[in-house]
């Protein structure tokens, strides 16, 4: 069950990464009054969401049972 949650969070993170790339591309196109400010605000919100999802992925990963004899999971695999 934890793996399903982790996979869903990873998919959500991947969608947000794509959104961030798209916004960065729009910002790289040069200043456009109104649009640039909107893109900056949106990219900041997307980054905050990415950070929250990355933390949730870590929590899910750390909550997953470790099979006997397996090495301990890394403390934070996304940073």
N, C-alpha and C. Protein backbone atom coordinates (compact mmCIF):
# COMPACT_ATOMS: atom_id res chain seq x y z
N UNK A 1 0.83 -1.19 0.00
CA UNK A 1 0.00 0.00 0.00
C UNK A 1 0.86 1.25 0.00
N UNK A 2 1.90 1.26 0.80
CA UNK A 2 2.78 2.42 0.86
C UNK A 2 3.42 2.68 -0.50
N UNK A 3 3.74 1.59 -1.23
CA UNK A 3 4.34 1.76 -2.55
C UNK A 3 3.38 2.46 -3.51
N UNK A 4 2.07 2.13 -3.41
CA UNK A 4 1.08 2.80 -4.26
C UNK A 4 1.04 4.30 -3.97
N UNK A 5 1.04 4.65 -2.69
CA UNK A 5 1.03 6.06 -2.31
C UNK A 5 2.30 6.75 -2.81
N UNK A 6 3.41 6.06 -2.65
CA UNK A 6 4.69 6.64 -3.08
C UNK A 6 4.70 6.85 -4.59
N UNK A 7 4.18 5.88 -5.34
CA UNK A 7 4.13 6.02 -6.80
C UNK A 7 3.22 7.18 -7.22
N UNK A 8 2.09 7.33 -6.55
CA UNK A 8 1.19 8.45 -6.85
C UNK A 8 1.86 9.78 -6.55
N UNK A 9 2.56 9.85 -5.44
CA UNK A 9 3.28 11.08 -5.10
C UNK A 9 4.38 11.37 -6.13
N UNK A 10 5.07 10.33 -6.57
CA UNK A 10 6.12 10.52 -7.57
C UNK A 10 5.54 11.02 -8.89
N UNK A 11 4.37 10.48 -9.28
CA UNK A 11 3.71 10.95 -10.51
C UNK A 11 3.31 12.42 -10.36
N UNK A 12 2.77 12.76 -9.19
CA UNK A 12 2.38 14.16 -8.95
C UNK A 12 3.60 15.06 -9.01
N UNK A 13 4.71 14.62 -8.40
CA UNK A 13 5.95 15.40 -8.44
C UNK A 13 6.43 15.58 -9.87
N UNK A 14 6.37 14.51 -10.67
CA UNK A 14 6.81 14.60 -12.06
C UNK A 14 5.96 15.60 -12.86
N UNK A 15 4.66 15.63 -12.58
CA UNK A 15 3.79 16.60 -13.24
C UNK A 15 4.17 18.03 -12.86
N UNK A 16 4.46 18.22 -11.59
CA UNK A 16 4.86 19.55 -11.14
C UNK A 16 6.22 19.95 -11.71
N UNK A 17 7.13 19.01 -11.84
CA UNK A 17 8.43 19.31 -12.45
C UNK A 17 8.24 19.77 -13.89
N UNK A 18 7.34 19.10 -14.61
CA UNK A 18 7.06 19.49 -15.99
C UNK A 18 6.45 20.90 -16.04
N UNK A 19 5.57 21.19 -15.09
CA UNK A 19 4.96 22.52 -15.01
C UNK A 19 6.03 23.58 -14.73
N UNK A 20 6.95 23.27 -13.81
CA UNK A 20 8.02 24.21 -13.48
C UNK A 20 8.90 24.46 -14.70
N UNK A 21 9.22 23.41 -15.46
CA UNK A 21 10.03 23.59 -16.67
C UNK A 21 9.33 24.49 -17.69
N UNK A 22 8.03 24.28 -17.82
CA UNK A 22 7.26 25.09 -18.75
C UNK A 22 7.24 26.56 -18.33
N UNK A 23 7.07 26.80 -17.06
CA UNK A 23 7.08 28.17 -16.55
C UNK A 23 8.46 28.80 -16.70
N UNK A 24 9.50 28.02 -16.46
CA UNK A 24 10.87 28.54 -16.62
C UNK A 24 11.12 28.90 -18.09
N UNK A 25 10.60 28.09 -18.98
CA UNK A 25 10.75 28.39 -20.42
C UNK A 25 10.04 29.69 -20.77
N UNK A 26 8.86 29.89 -20.21
CA UNK A 26 8.11 31.13 -20.46
C UNK A 26 8.88 32.33 -19.89
N UNK A 27 9.47 32.17 -18.72
CA UNK A 27 10.25 33.27 -18.13
C UNK A 27 11.50 33.56 -18.95
N UNK A 28 12.10 32.53 -19.51
CA UNK A 28 13.31 32.72 -20.31
C UNK A 28 13.02 33.46 -21.61
N UNK A 29 11.75 33.53 -21.99
CA UNK A 29 11.37 34.21 -23.22
C UNK A 29 11.43 35.72 -23.14
N UNK A 30 11.70 36.24 -21.98
CA UNK A 30 11.80 37.69 -21.84
C UNK A 30 10.63 38.27 -21.06
N UNK A 31 10.80 39.51 -20.68
CA UNK A 31 9.80 40.19 -19.86
C UNK A 31 8.57 40.55 -20.68
N UNK A 32 7.41 40.20 -20.12
CA UNK A 32 6.12 40.60 -20.70
C UNK A 32 5.27 41.08 -19.54
N UNK A 33 4.98 42.37 -19.53
CA UNK A 33 4.27 42.99 -18.41
C UNK A 33 3.02 42.17 -18.04
N UNK A 34 2.91 41.89 -16.77
CA UNK A 34 1.77 41.14 -16.26
C UNK A 34 2.00 39.63 -16.31
N UNK A 35 2.39 39.13 -17.48
CA UNK A 35 2.62 37.69 -17.61
C UNK A 35 3.85 37.24 -16.82
N UNK A 36 4.90 38.01 -16.87
CA UNK A 36 6.14 37.63 -16.17
C UNK A 36 5.88 37.55 -14.67
N UNK A 37 5.21 38.54 -14.11
CA UNK A 37 4.91 38.53 -12.69
C UNK A 37 4.04 37.31 -12.33
N UNK A 38 3.08 37.01 -13.19
CA UNK A 38 2.22 35.84 -12.99
C UNK A 38 3.05 34.56 -13.01
N UNK A 39 3.95 34.43 -13.97
CA UNK A 39 4.80 33.24 -14.07
C UNK A 39 5.70 33.09 -12.84
N UNK A 40 6.23 34.20 -12.35
CA UNK A 40 7.09 34.15 -11.16
C UNK A 40 6.29 33.64 -9.96
N UNK A 41 5.09 34.15 -9.78
CA UNK A 41 4.25 33.71 -8.67
C UNK A 41 3.90 32.23 -8.81
N UNK A 42 3.56 31.84 -10.03
CA UNK A 42 3.19 30.44 -10.26
C UNK A 42 4.37 29.50 -10.05
N UNK A 43 5.57 29.89 -10.51
CA UNK A 43 6.72 29.01 -10.35
C UNK A 43 7.08 28.87 -8.86
N UNK A 44 6.90 29.93 -8.09
CA UNK A 44 7.16 29.85 -6.65
C UNK A 44 6.17 28.90 -5.99
N UNK A 45 4.90 28.95 -6.38
CA UNK A 45 3.88 28.06 -5.83
C UNK A 45 4.14 26.61 -6.23
N UNK A 46 4.55 26.40 -7.48
CA UNK A 46 4.86 25.05 -7.95
C UNK A 46 6.05 24.49 -7.18
N UNK A 47 7.08 25.32 -6.97
CA UNK A 47 8.26 24.86 -6.22
C UNK A 47 7.88 24.49 -4.79
N UNK A 48 7.02 25.27 -4.18
CA UNK A 48 6.58 24.95 -2.81
C UNK A 48 5.85 23.61 -2.80
N UNK A 49 5.02 23.37 -3.80
CA UNK A 49 4.31 22.09 -3.88
C UNK A 49 5.28 20.93 -4.11
N UNK A 50 6.30 21.14 -4.94
CA UNK A 50 7.31 20.11 -5.16
C UNK A 50 8.00 19.77 -3.84
N UNK A 51 8.33 20.78 -3.06
CA UNK A 51 8.99 20.54 -1.77
C UNK A 51 8.11 19.74 -0.82
N UNK A 52 6.82 20.06 -0.79
CA UNK A 52 5.88 19.35 0.08
C UNK A 52 5.76 17.89 -0.38
N UNK A 53 5.65 17.68 -1.67
CA UNK A 53 5.52 16.31 -2.18
C UNK A 53 6.80 15.52 -1.96
N UNK A 54 7.96 16.15 -2.13
CA UNK A 54 9.22 15.45 -1.87
C UNK A 54 9.29 15.00 -0.42
N UNK A 55 8.84 15.84 0.49
CA UNK A 55 8.82 15.47 1.91
C UNK A 55 7.86 14.31 2.15
N UNK A 56 6.72 14.33 1.49
CA UNK A 56 5.74 13.25 1.64
C UNK A 56 6.30 11.94 1.08
N UNK A 57 7.02 12.01 -0.03
CA UNK A 57 7.64 10.81 -0.61
C UNK A 57 8.64 10.23 0.39
N UNK A 58 9.43 11.10 0.99
CA UNK A 58 10.40 10.63 1.99
C UNK A 58 9.69 9.95 3.15
N UNK A 59 8.60 10.53 3.62
CA UNK A 59 7.85 9.93 4.73
C UNK A 59 7.30 8.57 4.34
N UNK A 60 6.76 8.46 3.14
CA UNK A 60 6.24 7.18 2.67
C UNK A 60 7.37 6.16 2.55
N UNK A 61 8.48 6.61 2.02
CA UNK A 61 9.63 5.72 1.83
C UNK A 61 10.14 5.22 3.18
N UNK A 62 10.24 6.12 4.14
CA UNK A 62 10.73 5.73 5.46
C UNK A 62 9.72 4.88 6.22
N UNK A 63 8.44 5.03 5.90
CA UNK A 63 7.39 4.25 6.57
C UNK A 63 7.29 2.84 6.01
N UNK A 64 7.85 2.62 4.83
CA UNK A 64 7.77 1.30 4.20
C UNK A 64 8.56 0.29 5.02
N UNK A 65 8.02 -0.90 5.17
CA UNK A 65 8.76 -1.92 5.92
C UNK A 65 10.03 -2.32 5.18
N UNK A 66 11.09 -2.51 5.94
CA UNK A 66 12.37 -2.92 5.36
C UNK A 66 12.46 -4.44 5.43
N UNK A 67 12.65 -5.10 4.27
CA UNK A 67 12.76 -6.56 4.29
C UNK A 67 13.97 -6.99 5.12
N UNK A 68 13.89 -8.14 5.76
CA UNK A 68 15.01 -8.62 6.57
C UNK A 68 16.28 -8.73 5.72
N UNK A 69 17.37 -8.25 6.27
CA UNK A 69 18.66 -8.32 5.59
C UNK A 69 18.91 -7.21 4.59
N UNK A 70 17.91 -6.38 4.34
CA UNK A 70 18.07 -5.27 3.38
C UNK A 70 18.79 -4.12 4.08
N UNK A 71 19.56 -3.34 3.31
CA UNK A 71 20.22 -2.19 3.93
C UNK A 71 19.18 -1.15 4.35
N UNK A 72 19.55 -0.37 5.32
CA UNK A 72 18.64 0.68 5.79
C UNK A 72 18.40 1.69 4.68
N UNK A 73 17.18 2.23 4.56
CA UNK A 73 16.90 3.21 3.51
C UNK A 73 17.66 4.51 3.76
N UNK A 74 17.96 5.24 2.69
CA UNK A 74 18.62 6.54 2.89
C UNK A 74 17.69 7.48 3.65
N UNK A 75 18.29 8.40 4.37
CA UNK A 75 17.48 9.30 5.20
C UNK A 75 16.63 10.23 4.34
N UNK A 76 17.18 10.71 3.23
CA UNK A 76 16.46 11.65 2.37
C UNK A 76 16.96 11.46 0.96
N UNK A 77 16.21 10.76 0.14
CA UNK A 77 16.69 10.42 -1.19
C UNK A 77 16.42 11.49 -2.25
N UNK A 78 15.73 12.56 -1.91
CA UNK A 78 15.39 13.58 -2.92
C UNK A 78 16.20 14.84 -2.77
N UNK A 79 17.09 14.93 -1.85
CA UNK A 79 17.86 16.16 -1.67
C UNK A 79 19.31 15.87 -1.81
